Amino acid sequence: MIVVNLDVELAKKKMRSGELAERIGITPANLSILKTGKAKAIRFSTLDAICKELGCQPGDILAYLPDDD
């Protein structure tokens, strides 16, 4: 399973979700879907914009956790 740690990076930069959404040109609703892990996919252009704004790497935002079988 892929875990989204966007809240952690936002907290480090002391930035609100709405501000990030505005800066990268997506709706706050779509950013919320990503933050809660409900997104089925993310465009590389969106990931690039997030990393650029937050000064982080994709691995700071996305993590892989094996499923419990």
C-alpha atoms as a PDB file:
ATOM      1  CA  MET A   1       0.000   0.000   0.000  1.00  0.00           C
ATOM      2  CA  ILE A   2       1.191   3.520  -0.757  1.00  0.00           C
ATOM      3  CA  VAL A   3       0.958   6.011   2.114  1.00  0.00           C
ATOM      4  CA  VAL A   4       0.802   9.757   1.504  1.00  0.00           C
ATOM      5  CA  ASN A   5       2.749  11.843   4.041  1.00  0.00           C
ATOM      6  CA  LEU A   6       1.831  15.230   2.610  1.00  0.00           C
ATOM      7  CA  ASP A   7       0.606  16.517   5.993  1.00  0.00           C
ATOM      8  CA  VAL A   8       4.078  15.981   7.453  1.00  0.00           C
ATOM      9  CA  GLU A   9       5.744  18.026   4.730  1.00  0.00           C
ATOM     10  CA  LEU A  10       3.107  20.758   4.971  1.00  0.00           C
ATOM     11  CA  ALA A  11       3.687  20.977   8.732  1.00  0.00           C
ATOM     12  CA  LYS A  12       7.459  21.220   8.243  1.00  0.00           C
ATOM     13  CA  LYS A  13       6.945  24.211   5.922  1.00  0.00           C
ATOM     14  CA  LYS A  14       4.154  25.650   8.111  1.00  0.00           C
ATOM     15  CA  MET A  15       1.918  25.796   5.050  1.00  0.00           C
ATOM     16  CA  ARG A  16      -1.813  25.161   4.854  1.00  0.00           C
ATOM     17  CA  SER A  17      -3.328  22.823   2.278  1.00  0.00           C
ATOM     18  CA  GLY A  18      -5.310  25.627   0.659  1.00  0.00           C
ATOM     19  CA  GLU A  19      -2.161  27.671   0.131  1.00  0.00           C
ATOM     20  CA  LEU A  20      -0.360  24.734  -1.482  1.00  0.00           C
ATOM     21  CA  ALA A  21      -3.358  23.967  -3.702  1.00  0.00           C
ATOM     22  CA  GLU A  22      -3.426  27.561  -4.901  1.00  0.00           C
ATOM     23  CA  ARG A  23       0.326  27.647  -5.547  1.00  0.00           C
ATOM     24  CA  ILE A  24       0.335  24.449  -7.609  1.00  0.00           C
ATOM     25  CA  GLY A  25      -2.916  25.106  -9.442  1.00  0.00           C
ATOM     26  CA  ILE A  26      -5.205  22.341  -8.223  1.00  0.00           C
ATOM     27  CA  THR A  27      -8.440  22.505  -6.273  1.00  0.00           C
ATOM     28  CA  PRO A  28      -8.355  22.148  -2.490  1.00  0.00           C
ATOM     29  CA  ALA A  29     -10.753  19.211  -2.892  1.00  0.00           C
ATOM     30  CA  ASN A  30      -8.321  17.342  -5.163  1.00  0.00           C
ATOM     31  CA  LEU A  31      -5.437  18.043  -2.794  1.00  0.00           C
ATOM     32  CA  SER A  32      -7.562  16.709   0.070  1.00  0.00           C
ATOM     33  CA  ILE A  33      -8.206  13.485  -1.868  1.00  0.00           C
ATOM     34  CA  LEU A  34      -4.466  13.096  -2.306  1.00  0.00           C
ATOM     35  CA  LYS A  35      -3.697  13.910   1.356  1.00  0.00           C
ATOM     36  CA  THR A  36      -6.189  11.362   2.683  1.00  0.00           C
ATOM     37  CA  GLY A  37      -4.786   8.597   0.492  1.00  0.00           C
ATOM     38  CA  LYS A  38      -8.034   8.225  -1.463  1.00  0.00           C
ATOM     39  CA  ALA A  39      -6.431   9.145  -4.810  1.00  0.00           C
ATOM     40  CA  LYS A  40      -5.995   6.303  -7.281  1.00  0.00           C
ATOM     41  CA  ALA A  41      -3.190   8.105  -9.142  1.00  0.00           C
ATOM     42  CA  ILE A  42      -1.098  11.259  -9.172  1.00  0.00           C
ATOM     43  CA  ARG A  43       0.268  13.030 -12.217  1.00  0.00           C
ATOM     44  CA  PHE A  44       4.015  13.465 -12.295  1.00  0.00           C
ATOM     45  CA  SER A  45       3.436  17.144 -13.058  1.00  0.00           C
ATOM     46  CA  THR A  46       1.428  17.490  -9.833  1.00  0.00           C
ATOM     47  CA  LEU A  47       4.060  15.607  -7.832  1.00  0.00           C
ATOM     48  CA  ASP A  48       6.744  17.802  -9.386  1.00  0.00           C
ATOM     49  CA  ALA A  49       4.836  20.973  -8.437  1.00  0.00           C
ATOM     50  CA  ILE A  50       4.309  19.763  -4.849  1.00  0.00           C
ATOM     51  CA  CYS A  51       7.983  18.892  -4.428  1.00  0.00           C
ATOM     52  CA  LYS A  52       9.033  22.221  -5.943  1.00  0.00           C
ATOM     53  CA  GLU A  53       6.789  24.216  -3.560  1.00  0.00           C
ATOM     54  CA  LEU A  54       7.685  22.210  -0.457  1.00  0.00           C
ATOM     55  CA  GLY A  55      11.372  21.774  -1.301  1.00  0.00           C
ATOM     56  CA  CYS A  56      11.208  18.019  -0.825  1.00  0.00           C
ATOM     57  CA  GLN A  57      11.676  14.741  -2.687  1.00  0.00           C
ATOM     58  CA  PRO A  58       8.845  12.452  -3.886  1.00  0.00           C
ATOM     59  CA  GLY A  59       9.967   9.899  -1.285  1.00  0.00           C
ATOM     60  CA  ASP A  60       9.270  12.459   1.442  1.00  0.00           C
ATOM     61  CA  ILE A  61       5.629  12.485   0.383  1.00  0.00           C
ATOM     62  CA  LEU A  62       5.024   8.886  -0.738  1.00  0.00           C
ATOM     63  CA  ALA A  63       5.961   5.725   1.147  1.00  0.00           C
ATOM     64  CA  TYR A  64       5.364   2.052   0.474  1.00  0.00           C
ATOM     65  CA  LEU A  65       4.093  -0.222   3.240  1.00  0.00           C
ATOM     66  CA  PRO A  66       3.615  -3.932   2.509  1.00  0.00           C
ATOM     67  CA  ASP A  67       0.055  -5.189   2.883  1.00  0.00           C
ATOM     68  CA  ASP A  68      -0.623  -7.486   5.820  1.00  0.00           C
ATOM     69  CA  ASP A  69      -1.441 -10.862   4.297  1.00  0.00           C
END
